[in-house]
Amino acid sequence: MKANVYVTLKAGVLDPQGETVKRSLHLMGNDDIEEVRIGKFIQIKMRNQGLEQARRQLEEISDQLLANPVIEDFRVELAEGE
């Protein structure tokens, strides 16, 4: 089973890295870019244990280690049989 975990900054949290990328894009002539937010993408491969059990485990891992729950949100996607 494969899982994808997406970690993003919560709305309202400043993203200095995203602002730097946006400024660089504007300097390259991409003036239509209004906002850039930088996040993390984590791929995890695990033994098949059932979707609900895997989701619970991954949400716990994400909350405790992969994301900072004070300033970040996360989303877990599971793909069985890959």
C-alpha atoms as a PDB file:
ATOM      1  CA  MET A   1       0.000   0.000   0.000  1.00  0.00           C
ATOM      2  CA  LYS A   2       1.253   3.471  -0.823  1.00  0.00           C
ATOM      3  CA  ALA A   3       0.350   6.661   0.948  1.00  0.00           C
ATOM      4  CA  ASN A   4       0.902  10.274   0.056  1.00  0.00           C
ATOM      5  CA  VAL A   5       0.972  12.852   2.829  1.00  0.00           C
ATOM      6  CA  TYR A   6       0.658  16.521   1.920  1.00  0.00           C
ATOM      7  CA  VAL A   7       1.707  19.044   4.576  1.00  0.00           C
ATOM      8  CA  THR A   8       0.806  22.704   4.057  1.00  0.00           C
ATOM      9  CA  LEU A   9       0.912  25.834   6.141  1.00  0.00           C
ATOM     10  CA  LYS A  10      -2.388  26.800   7.718  1.00  0.00           C
ATOM     11  CA  ALA A  11      -4.245  29.754   6.266  1.00  0.00           C
ATOM     12  CA  GLY A  12      -2.951  32.979   7.766  1.00  0.00           C
ATOM     13  CA  VAL A  13       0.532  31.611   8.532  1.00  0.00           C
ATOM     14  CA  LEU A  14       3.215  33.621   6.752  1.00  0.00           C
ATOM     15  CA  ASP A  15       5.192  31.721   4.126  1.00  0.00           C
ATOM     16  CA  PRO A  16       8.526  33.518   3.569  1.00  0.00           C
ATOM     17  CA  GLN A  17       9.773  30.798   1.202  1.00  0.00           C
ATOM     18  CA  GLY A  18       6.629  31.099  -0.884  1.00  0.00           C
ATOM     19  CA  GLU A  19       7.014  34.890  -1.000  1.00  0.00           C
ATOM     20  CA  THR A  20      10.618  34.529  -2.190  1.00  0.00           C
ATOM     21  CA  VAL A  21       9.544  32.175  -4.974  1.00  0.00           C
ATOM     22  CA  LYS A  22       6.722  34.542  -5.958  1.00  0.00           C
ATOM     23  CA  ARG A  23       9.140  37.487  -6.198  1.00  0.00           C
ATOM     24  CA  SER A  24      11.498  35.405  -8.347  1.00  0.00           C
ATOM     25  CA  LEU A  25       8.635  34.385 -10.622  1.00  0.00           C
ATOM     26  CA  HIS A  26       7.666  38.059 -11.016  1.00  0.00           C
ATOM     27  CA  LEU A  27      11.270  38.929 -11.903  1.00  0.00           C
ATOM     28  CA  MET A  28      11.075  36.239 -14.605  1.00  0.00           C
ATOM     29  CA  GLY A  29       8.050  37.994 -16.096  1.00  0.00           C
ATOM     30  CA  ASN A  30       5.302  35.873 -14.543  1.00  0.00           C
ATOM     31  CA  ASP A  31       3.275  38.825 -13.276  1.00  0.00           C
ATOM     32  CA  ASP A  32       0.023  36.834 -13.253  1.00  0.00           C
ATOM     33  CA  ILE A  33       1.188  34.778 -10.223  1.00  0.00           C
ATOM     34  CA  GLU A  34      -0.713  36.073  -7.189  1.00  0.00           C
ATOM     35  CA  GLU A  35       0.338  33.689  -4.420  1.00  0.00           C
ATOM     36  CA  VAL A  36       2.821  30.866  -3.832  1.00  0.00           C
ATOM     37  CA  ARG A  37       2.640  28.555  -0.823  1.00  0.00           C
ATOM     38  CA  ILE A  38       5.379  25.981  -0.187  1.00  0.00           C
ATOM     39  CA  GLY A  39       4.598  22.663   1.493  1.00  0.00           C
ATOM     40  CA  LYS A  40       5.929  19.139   1.870  1.00  0.00           C
ATOM     41  CA  PHE A  41       5.046  15.937   0.028  1.00  0.00           C
ATOM     42  CA  ILE A  42       5.900  12.628   1.707  1.00  0.00           C
ATOM     43  CA  GLN A  43       5.479   9.207   0.064  1.00  0.00           C
ATOM     44  CA  ILE A  44       5.180   6.213   2.365  1.00  0.00           C
ATOM     45  CA  LYS A  45       5.019   2.550   1.395  1.00  0.00           C
ATOM     46  CA  MET A  46       3.601   0.222   4.027  1.00  0.00           C
ATOM     47  CA  ARG A  47       2.372  -3.337   4.428  1.00  0.00           C
ATOM     48  CA  ASN A  48      -1.257  -3.782   3.498  1.00  0.00           C
ATOM     49  CA  GLN A  49      -3.258  -3.660   6.718  1.00  0.00           C
ATOM     50  CA  GLY A  50      -6.658  -2.357   5.653  1.00  0.00           C
ATOM     51  CA  LEU A  51      -7.510   1.175   4.641  1.00  0.00           C
ATOM     52  CA  GLU A  52      -9.008   2.384   7.914  1.00  0.00           C
ATOM     53  CA  GLN A  53      -6.180   1.078  10.101  1.00  0.00           C
ATOM     54  CA  ALA A  54      -3.587   2.508   7.699  1.00  0.00           C
ATOM     55  CA  ARG A  55      -5.361   5.885   7.622  1.00  0.00           C
ATOM     56  CA  ARG A  56      -5.473   6.059  11.430  1.00  0.00           C
ATOM     57  CA  GLN A  57      -1.779   5.150  11.676  1.00  0.00           C
ATOM     58  CA  LEU A  58      -0.763   7.693   9.031  1.00  0.00           C
ATOM     59  CA  GLU A  59      -2.836  10.451  10.588  1.00  0.00           C
ATOM     60  CA  GLU A  60      -1.198   9.781  13.949  1.00  0.00           C
ATOM     61  CA  ILE A  61       2.283   9.783  12.360  1.00  0.00           C
ATOM     62  CA  SER A  62       1.504  12.985  10.475  1.00  0.00           C
ATOM     63  CA  ASP A  63       0.168  14.728  13.580  1.00  0.00           C
ATOM     64  CA  GLN A  64       3.088  13.635  15.781  1.00  0.00           C
ATOM     65  CA  LEU A  65       6.039  13.868  13.382  1.00  0.00           C
ATOM     66  CA  LEU A  66       5.454  14.947   9.796  1.00  0.00           C
ATOM     67  CA  ALA A  67       3.495  18.149  10.459  1.00  0.00           C
ATOM     68  CA  ASN A  68       3.618  20.831  13.124  1.00  0.00           C
ATOM     69  CA  PRO A  69      -0.074  20.972  14.145  1.00  0.00           C
ATOM     70  CA  VAL A  70       0.309  24.529  15.427  1.00  0.00           C
ATOM     71  CA  ILE A  71       1.085  25.995  11.986  1.00  0.00           C
ATOM     72  CA  GLU A  72       0.525  23.167   9.477  1.00  0.00           C
ATOM     73  CA  ASP A  73      -2.323  21.081   8.123  1.00  0.00           C
ATOM     74  CA  PHE A  74      -1.918  17.668   6.515  1.00  0.00           C
ATOM     75  CA  ARG A  75      -3.878  15.457   4.160  1.00  0.00           C
ATOM     76  CA  VAL A  76      -3.406  11.698   3.725  1.00  0.00           C
ATOM     77  CA  GLU A  77      -4.178   9.834   0.477  1.00  0.00           C
ATOM     78  CA  LEU A  78      -4.070   6.039   0.340  1.00  0.00           C
ATOM     79  CA  ALA A  79      -3.740   3.797  -2.716  1.00  0.00           C
ATOM     80  CA  GLU A  80      -4.338   0.116  -1.999  1.00  0.00           C
ATOM     81  CA  GLY A  81      -2.564  -2.566  -3.996  1.00  0.00           C
ATOM     82  CA  GLU A  82       0.203  -0.458  -5.519  1.00  0.00           C
END
